[in-house]
Amino acid sequence: MLIGPLSGDLFQHWLYTNPHHTAEERDAKYFEILKRFSGHPVDYSGLEAEASSAWIDSIHFIAYPFYNIEYAMSELGALQLLETYRRDRSEAIANYKRGASTDFNQPIAKIYEDTGVHFDFSDAAVLRVAKFTEHIIESLG
């Protein structure tokens, strides 16, 4: 009964912006987020205590705060690379190889740049990638 990556980040944000919360408040917040994003239309009747404390199964919430954000960042980069691939396969493959061979000690923005994608998470950039993704999904239907 774990919540998804973005829901997990929402839970962590609440955890760290409410440092004096009680165990009961923590479990209640987790259950609220679980029901909102992951649990609908599951009936948790009789299992509320188990569902509310399921957050303990994820080490990320305590040991690796906001770890899942890296997945979202890489997905946005991968979708940009897919966009290039659909336009020009040779360019995308060359960009991928260049990015994959970049010194991993470089800042992540440099690795993205070498891969031919933008390290930009502004509303406009995310919207552009979302529209491209919607187009892909629609073309599959």
N, C-alpha and C. Protein backbone atom coordinates (compact mmCIF):
# COMPACT_ATOMS: atom_id res chain seq x y z
N MET A 1 0.82 -1.18 0.00
CA MET A 1 0.00 0.00 0.00
C MET A 1 0.86 1.25 0.00
N LEU A 2 1.92 1.22 -0.78
CA LEU A 2 2.76 2.41 -0.86
C LEU A 2 2.20 3.39 -1.88
N ILE A 3 2.36 4.65 -1.60
CA ILE A 3 1.93 5.67 -2.53
C ILE A 3 3.00 5.84 -3.60
N GLY A 4 2.63 6.44 -4.71
CA GLY A 4 3.55 6.61 -5.83
C GLY A 4 4.61 7.66 -5.57
N PRO A 5 5.56 7.80 -6.51
CA PRO A 5 6.68 8.71 -6.33
C PRO A 5 6.28 10.16 -6.05
N LEU A 6 5.39 10.72 -6.84
CA LEU A 6 5.02 12.12 -6.62
C LEU A 6 4.22 12.28 -5.34
N SER A 7 3.35 11.31 -5.04
CA SER A 7 2.61 11.34 -3.79
C SER A 7 3.57 11.20 -2.61
N GLY A 8 4.61 10.38 -2.81
CA GLY A 8 5.63 10.23 -1.77
C GLY A 8 6.36 11.53 -1.51
N ASP A 9 6.63 12.28 -2.56
CA ASP A 9 7.28 13.58 -2.38
C ASP A 9 6.36 14.55 -1.64
N LEU A 10 5.06 14.48 -1.93
CA LEU A 10 4.09 15.31 -1.21
C LEU A 10 4.10 14.95 0.28
N PHE A 11 4.14 13.65 0.56
CA PHE A 11 4.19 13.20 1.96
C PHE A 11 5.48 13.69 2.63
N GLN A 12 6.60 13.55 1.95
CA GLN A 12 7.86 14.01 2.53
C GLN A 12 7.87 15.51 2.76
N HIS A 13 7.32 16.25 1.81
CA HIS A 13 7.25 17.70 1.99
C HIS A 13 6.49 18.02 3.27
N TRP A 14 5.37 17.34 3.48
CA TRP A 14 4.61 17.56 4.70
C TRP A 14 5.44 17.17 5.93
N LEU A 15 6.13 16.02 5.84
CA LEU A 15 6.96 15.58 6.97
C LEU A 15 7.96 16.64 7.40
N TYR A 16 8.68 17.17 6.41
CA TYR A 16 9.79 18.07 6.73
C TYR A 16 9.36 19.51 6.97
N THR A 17 8.13 19.86 6.58
CA THR A 17 7.64 21.20 6.89
C THR A 17 6.79 21.20 8.16
N ASN A 18 6.62 20.04 8.74
CA ASN A 18 5.90 19.89 10.01
C ASN A 18 6.75 19.05 10.96
N PRO A 19 7.92 19.56 11.35
CA PRO A 19 8.87 18.74 12.11
C PRO A 19 8.38 18.33 13.50
N HIS A 20 7.36 18.96 14.01
CA HIS A 20 6.90 18.64 15.36
C HIS A 20 5.61 17.82 15.34
N HIS A 21 5.34 17.17 14.22
CA HIS A 21 4.12 16.37 14.11
C HIS A 21 4.21 15.13 15.01
N THR A 22 3.06 14.62 15.35
CA THR A 22 2.99 13.40 16.16
C THR A 22 2.94 12.18 15.24
N ALA A 23 3.14 11.02 15.80
CA ALA A 23 3.05 9.78 15.02
C ALA A 23 1.64 9.63 14.46
N GLU A 24 0.65 10.00 15.23
CA GLU A 24 -0.74 9.90 14.76
C GLU A 24 -1.00 10.85 13.59
N GLU A 25 -0.48 12.08 13.68
CA GLU A 25 -0.64 13.04 12.58
C GLU A 25 0.07 12.55 11.32
N ARG A 26 1.25 11.96 11.51
CA ARG A 26 2.02 11.44 10.37
C ARG A 26 1.25 10.33 9.67
N ASP A 27 0.74 9.39 10.44
CA ASP A 27 -0.01 8.30 9.83
C ASP A 27 -1.29 8.81 9.16
N ALA A 28 -1.94 9.77 9.78
CA ALA A 28 -3.17 10.33 9.20
C ALA A 28 -2.87 11.03 7.88
N LYS A 29 -1.77 11.76 7.82
CA LYS A 29 -1.40 12.45 6.57
C LYS A 29 -1.08 11.44 5.49
N TYR A 30 -0.35 10.40 5.84
CA TYR A 30 -0.03 9.36 4.84
C TYR A 30 -1.31 8.73 4.30
N PHE A 31 -2.24 8.41 5.21
CA PHE A 31 -3.49 7.77 4.79
C PHE A 31 -4.31 8.72 3.91
N GLU A 32 -4.31 9.99 4.23
CA GLU A 32 -5.01 10.99 3.42
C GLU A 32 -4.46 11.02 2.00
N ILE A 33 -3.14 11.04 1.88
CA ILE A 33 -2.50 11.08 0.55
C ILE A 33 -2.71 9.75 -0.17
N LEU A 34 -2.62 8.66 0.55
CA LEU A 34 -2.85 7.34 -0.05
C LEU A 34 -4.24 7.27 -0.66
N LYS A 35 -5.24 7.68 0.10
CA LYS A 35 -6.61 7.63 -0.41
C LYS A 35 -6.81 8.58 -1.59
N ARG A 36 -6.19 9.73 -1.52
CA ARG A 36 -6.37 10.73 -2.58
C ARG A 36 -5.76 10.30 -3.90
N PHE A 37 -4.55 9.74 -3.88
CA PHE A 37 -3.83 9.49 -5.12
C PHE A 37 -3.70 8.03 -5.52
N SER A 38 -3.65 7.14 -4.57
CA SER A 38 -3.34 5.75 -4.91
C SER A 38 -4.43 4.77 -4.52
N GLY A 39 -5.22 5.09 -3.56
CA GLY A 39 -6.13 4.11 -3.01
C GLY A 39 -7.54 4.11 -3.56
N HIS A 40 -7.89 5.10 -4.34
CA HIS A 40 -9.26 5.17 -4.84
C HIS A 40 -9.46 4.12 -5.92
N PRO A 41 -10.47 3.33 -5.92
CA PRO A 41 -11.63 3.27 -5.04
C PRO A 41 -11.53 2.15 -4.00
N VAL A 42 -10.34 1.87 -3.51
CA VAL A 42 -10.14 0.78 -2.55
C VAL A 42 -10.87 1.09 -1.25
N ASP A 43 -11.51 0.08 -0.70
CA ASP A 43 -12.19 0.19 0.59
C ASP A 43 -11.23 -0.31 1.67
N TYR A 44 -10.75 0.59 2.50
CA TYR A 44 -9.79 0.25 3.55
C TYR A 44 -10.46 -0.06 4.88
N SER A 45 -11.76 -0.24 4.87
CA SER A 45 -12.49 -0.51 6.12
C SER A 45 -11.85 -1.67 6.87
N GLY A 46 -11.50 -1.40 8.12
CA GLY A 46 -10.87 -2.41 8.96
C GLY A 46 -9.37 -2.49 8.80
N LEU A 47 -8.82 -1.82 7.80
CA LEU A 47 -7.37 -1.84 7.55
C LEU A 47 -6.75 -0.45 7.65
N GLU A 48 -7.45 0.49 8.23
CA GLU A 48 -6.96 1.86 8.30
C GLU A 48 -5.60 1.96 9.00
N ALA A 49 -5.44 1.24 10.10
CA ALA A 49 -4.17 1.31 10.85
C ALA A 49 -3.01 0.78 10.01
N GLU A 50 -3.24 -0.32 9.30
CA GLU A 50 -2.18 -0.89 8.46
C GLU A 50 -1.85 0.03 7.29
N ALA A 51 -2.88 0.55 6.65
CA ALA A 51 -2.67 1.44 5.50
C ALA A 51 -1.99 2.73 5.93
N SER A 52 -2.39 3.26 7.09
CA SER A 52 -1.85 4.52 7.58
C SER A 52 -0.37 4.44 7.92
N SER A 53 0.08 3.26 8.31
CA SER A 53 1.49 3.12 8.71
C SER A 53 2.34 2.48 7.61
N ALA A 54 1.80 2.31 6.42
CA ALA A 54 2.54 1.66 5.34
C ALA A 54 3.74 2.48 4.88
N TRP A 55 3.77 3.76 5.23
CA TRP A 55 4.89 4.61 4.84
C TRP A 55 6.22 4.06 5.37
N ILE A 56 6.16 3.32 6.46
CA ILE A 56 7.38 2.80 7.08
C ILE A 56 8.11 1.83 6.16
N ASP A 57 7.40 1.27 5.17
CA ASP A 57 8.01 0.32 4.23
C ASP A 57 8.97 0.99 3.24
N SER A 58 8.97 2.31 3.19
CA SER A 58 9.85 3.00 2.24
C SER A 58 10.98 3.71 2.97
N ILE A 59 12.18 3.20 2.79
CA ILE A 59 13.36 3.82 3.42
C ILE A 59 13.62 5.22 2.87
N HIS A 60 13.10 5.49 1.66
CA HIS A 60 13.34 6.79 1.04
C HIS A 60 12.81 7.95 1.88
N PHE A 61 11.71 7.75 2.56
CA PHE A 61 11.12 8.85 3.31
C PHE A 61 12.02 9.34 4.43
N ILE A 62 12.86 8.48 4.95
CA ILE A 62 13.72 8.85 6.06
C ILE A 62 15.19 8.98 5.64
N ALA A 63 15.70 8.01 4.93
CA ALA A 63 17.13 7.98 4.62
C ALA A 63 17.51 8.77 3.36
N TYR A 64 16.60 8.86 2.39
CA TYR A 64 16.91 9.51 1.11
C TYR A 64 15.80 10.48 0.73
N PRO A 65 15.67 11.58 1.45
CA PRO A 65 14.57 12.50 1.19
C PRO A 65 14.51 12.95 -0.27
N PHE A 66 13.32 12.93 -0.80
CA PHE A 66 13.00 13.40 -2.15
C PHE A 66 13.77 12.68 -3.24
N TYR A 67 14.16 11.45 -2.96
CA TYR A 67 14.89 10.62 -3.93
C TYR A 67 14.12 10.47 -5.23
N ASN A 68 12.81 10.33 -5.15
CA ASN A 68 12.01 10.07 -6.34
C ASN A 68 12.00 11.23 -7.32
N ILE A 69 12.34 12.41 -6.88
CA ILE A 69 12.37 13.55 -7.79
C ILE A 69 13.35 13.27 -8.94
N GLU A 70 14.41 12.53 -8.65
CA GLU A 70 15.38 12.20 -9.70
C GLU A 70 14.73 11.42 -10.84
N TYR A 71 13.74 10.59 -10.51
CA TYR A 71 13.04 9.84 -11.56
C TYR A 71 12.27 10.79 -12.47
N ALA A 72 11.59 11.75 -11.89
CA ALA A 72 10.83 12.71 -12.69
C ALA A 72 11.77 13.53 -13.57
N MET A 73 12.91 13.92 -13.01
CA MET A 73 13.89 14.68 -13.80
C MET A 73 14.38 13.86 -14.98
N SER A 74 14.70 12.60 -14.74
CA SER A 74 15.23 11.78 -15.83
C SER A 74 14.14 11.47 -16.86
N GLU A 75 12.90 11.33 -16.41
CA GLU A 75 11.81 11.08 -17.36
C GLU A 75 11.62 12.28 -18.29
N LEU A 76 11.72 13.48 -17.76
CA LEU A 76 11.59 14.66 -18.61
C LEU A 76 12.72 14.71 -19.64
N GLY A 77 13.92 14.36 -19.22
CA GLY A 77 15.04 14.31 -20.16
C GLY A 77 14.84 13.22 -21.20
N ALA A 78 14.39 12.05 -20.78
CA ALA A 78 14.17 10.94 -21.71
C ALA A 78 13.09 11.28 -22.72
N LEU A 79 12.04 11.94 -22.29
CA LEU A 79 10.98 12.32 -23.22
C LEU A 79 11.48 13.35 -24.24
N GLN A 80 12.35 14.24 -23.81
CA GLN A 80 12.94 15.19 -24.76
C GLN A 80 13.79 14.45 -25.79
N LEU A 81 14.53 13.46 -25.33
CA LEU A 81 15.36 12.67 -26.25
C LEU A 81 14.47 11.88 -27.21
N LEU A 82 13.35 11.36 -26.72
CA LEU A 82 12.41 10.67 -27.60
C LEU A 82 11.86 11.62 -28.65
N GLU A 83 11.60 12.84 -28.25
CA GLU A 83 11.10 13.84 -29.20
C GLU A 83 12.12 14.06 -30.32
N THR A 84 13.38 14.16 -29.94
CA THR A 84 14.44 14.30 -30.95
C THR A 84 14.50 13.05 -31.83
N TYR A 85 14.38 11.89 -31.22
CA TYR A 85 14.43 10.62 -31.95
C TYR A 85 13.33 10.54 -33.00
N ARG A 86 12.15 10.99 -32.64
CA ARG A 86 11.05 10.93 -33.60
C ARG A 86 11.26 11.90 -34.76
N ARG A 87 12.03 12.94 -34.53
CA ARG A 87 12.33 13.93 -35.57
C ARG A 87 13.55 13.51 -36.39
N ASP A 88 14.58 12.99 -35.69
CA ASP A 88 15.85 12.66 -36.35
C ASP A 88 16.57 11.59 -35.53
N ARG A 89 16.42 10.34 -35.97
CA ARG A 89 16.98 9.21 -35.21
C ARG A 89 18.49 9.31 -35.05
N SER A 90 19.18 9.67 -36.10
CA SER A 90 20.64 9.75 -36.04
C SER A 90 21.10 10.79 -35.03
N GLU A 91 20.43 11.93 -35.02
CA GLU A 91 20.79 12.99 -34.07
C GLU A 91 20.54 12.52 -32.63
N ALA A 92 19.42 11.87 -32.40
CA ALA A 92 19.10 11.39 -31.05
C ALA A 92 20.11 10.36 -30.58
N ILE A 93 20.48 9.44 -31.44
CA ILE A 93 21.44 8.41 -31.07
C ILE A 93 22.81 9.04 -30.78
N ALA A 94 23.21 9.98 -31.61
CA ALA A 94 24.48 10.68 -31.38
C ALA A 94 24.44 11.45 -30.06
N ASN A 95 23.32 12.14 -29.80
CA ASN A 95 23.18 12.88 -28.53
C ASN A 95 23.24 11.94 -27.34
N TYR A 96 22.55 10.80 -27.45
CA TYR A 96 22.55 9.84 -26.35
C TYR A 96 23.97 9.33 -26.08
N LYS A 97 24.68 8.97 -27.13
CA LYS A 97 26.05 8.47 -26.95
C LYS A 97 26.95 9.54 -26.33
N ARG A 98 26.79 10.78 -26.80
CA ARG A 98 27.61 11.87 -26.26
C ARG A 98 27.28 12.07 -24.77
N GLY A 99 26.01 12.08 -24.44
CA GLY A 99 25.61 12.26 -23.04
C GLY A 99 26.06 11.11 -22.17
N ALA A 100 25.95 9.88 -22.69
CA ALA A 100 26.34 8.70 -21.91
C ALA A 100 27.84 8.64 -21.68
N SER A 101 28.60 9.30 -22.53
CA SER A 101 30.06 9.27 -22.37
C SER A 101 30.60 10.52 -21.66
N THR A 102 29.71 11.42 -21.27
CA THR A 102 30.13 12.61 -20.53
C THR A 102 30.67 12.20 -19.17
N ASP A 103 31.70 12.86 -18.71
CA ASP A 103 32.26 12.60 -17.39
C ASP A 103 31.17 12.75 -16.33
N PHE A 104 30.92 11.69 -15.57
CA PHE A 104 29.84 11.71 -14.60
C PHE A 104 30.10 12.66 -13.44
N ASN A 105 31.29 13.23 -13.36
CA ASN A 105 31.59 14.22 -12.33
C ASN A 105 31.11 15.62 -12.71
N GLN A 106 30.61 15.75 -13.93
CA GLN A 106 30.09 17.04 -14.38
C GLN A 106 28.76 17.32 -13.70
N PRO A 107 28.39 18.59 -13.62
CA PRO A 107 27.04 18.89 -13.11
C PRO A 107 25.99 18.25 -14.02
N ILE A 108 24.87 17.86 -13.44
CA ILE A 108 23.83 17.18 -14.19
C ILE A 108 23.34 18.04 -15.36
N ALA A 109 23.30 19.34 -15.20
CA ALA A 109 22.88 20.21 -16.29
C ALA A 109 23.81 20.07 -17.50
N LYS A 110 25.08 19.87 -17.27
CA LYS A 110 26.06 19.67 -18.36
C LYS A 110 25.81 18.33 -19.05
N ILE A 111 25.50 17.30 -18.29
CA ILE A 111 25.22 15.99 -18.88
C ILE A 111 23.96 16.08 -19.75
N TYR A 112 22.93 16.76 -19.24
CA TYR A 112 21.73 16.96 -20.05
C TYR A 112 22.07 17.70 -21.33
N GLU A 113 22.85 18.77 -21.21
CA GLU A 113 23.24 19.56 -22.38
C GLU A 113 23.97 18.69 -23.40
N ASP A 114 24.89 17.86 -22.94
CA ASP A 114 25.63 16.97 -23.84
C ASP A 114 24.73 15.94 -24.49
N THR A 115 23.59 15.65 -23.84
CA THR A 115 22.64 14.69 -24.37
C THR A 115 21.65 15.37 -25.32
N GLY A 116 21.75 16.68 -25.43
CA GLY A 116 20.88 17.42 -26.34
C GLY A 116 19.51 17.72 -25.77
N VAL A 117 19.38 17.66 -24.45
CA VAL A 117 18.11 17.99 -23.81
C VAL A 117 18.33 19.13 -22.82
N HIS A 118 17.23 19.73 -22.41
CA HIS A 118 17.30 20.90 -21.54
C HIS A 118 17.05 20.51 -20.08
N PHE A 119 17.89 21.01 -19.22
CA PHE A 119 17.73 20.83 -17.78
C PHE A 119 16.88 22.00 -17.29
N ASP A 120 15.61 21.94 -17.66
CA ASP A 120 14.70 23.06 -17.43
C ASP A 120 13.38 22.48 -16.93
N PHE A 121 12.98 22.86 -15.75
CA PHE A 121 11.77 22.34 -15.15
C PHE A 121 10.74 23.45 -14.91
N SER A 122 10.83 24.47 -15.75
CA SER A 122 9.87 25.56 -15.67
C SER A 122 8.51 25.04 -16.13
N ASP A 123 7.47 25.79 -15.82
CA ASP A 123 6.13 25.40 -16.25
C ASP A 123 6.07 25.26 -17.78
N ALA A 124 6.69 26.20 -18.47
CA ALA A 124 6.65 26.17 -19.95
C ALA A 124 7.35 24.93 -20.49
N ALA A 125 8.48 24.58 -19.92
CA ALA A 125 9.23 23.41 -20.40
C ALA A 125 8.48 22.12 -20.12
N VAL A 126 7.92 22.00 -18.94
CA VAL A 126 7.16 20.79 -18.58
C VAL A 126 5.90 20.70 -19.44
N LEU A 127 5.24 21.82 -19.68
CA LEU A 127 4.05 21.83 -20.52
C LEU A 127 4.37 21.37 -21.94
N ARG A 128 5.50 21.82 -22.48
CA ARG A 128 5.89 21.42 -23.83
C ARG A 128 6.09 19.91 -23.90
N VAL A 129 6.78 19.34 -22.92
CA VAL A 129 7.02 17.90 -22.90
C VAL A 129 5.70 17.15 -22.68
N ALA A 130 4.82 17.70 -21.85
CA ALA A 130 3.51 17.07 -21.61
C ALA A 130 2.69 17.03 -22.89
N LYS A 131 2.71 18.11 -23.64
CA LYS A 131 1.97 18.14 -24.91
C LYS A 131 2.53 17.12 -25.90
N PHE A 132 3.84 17.01 -25.94
CA PHE A 132 4.47 16.00 -26.80
C PHE A 132 4.03 14.60 -26.37
N THR A 133 4.02 14.36 -25.07
CA THR A 133 3.62 13.06 -24.54
C THR A 133 2.16 12.76 -24.86
N GLU A 134 1.30 13.75 -24.71
CA GLU A 134 -0.11 13.57 -25.06
C GLU A 134 -0.25 13.21 -26.54
N HIS A 135 0.53 13.87 -27.38
CA HIS A 135 0.50 13.57 -28.82
C HIS A 135 0.89 12.12 -29.07
N ILE A 136 1.91 11.65 -28.39
CA ILE A 136 2.36 10.26 -28.55
C ILE A 136 1.23 9.30 -28.13
N ILE A 137 0.64 9.58 -26.97
CA ILE A 137 -0.42 8.71 -26.47
C ILE A 137 -1.60 8.69 -27.44
N GLU A 138 -1.99 9.86 -27.92
CA GLU A 138 -3.10 9.94 -28.87
C GLU A 138 -2.79 9.18 -30.16
N SER A 139 -1.54 9.20 -30.60
CA SER A 139 -1.18 8.52 -31.85
C SER A 139 -1.21 7.00 -31.69
N LEU A 140 -1.17 6.51 -30.45
CA LEU A 140 -1.21 5.08 -30.21
C LEU A 140 -2.65 4.53 -30.24
N GLY A 141 -3.61 5.43 -30.02
CA GLY A 141 -5.02 5.01 -29.89
C GLY A 141 -5.65 4.73 -31.17
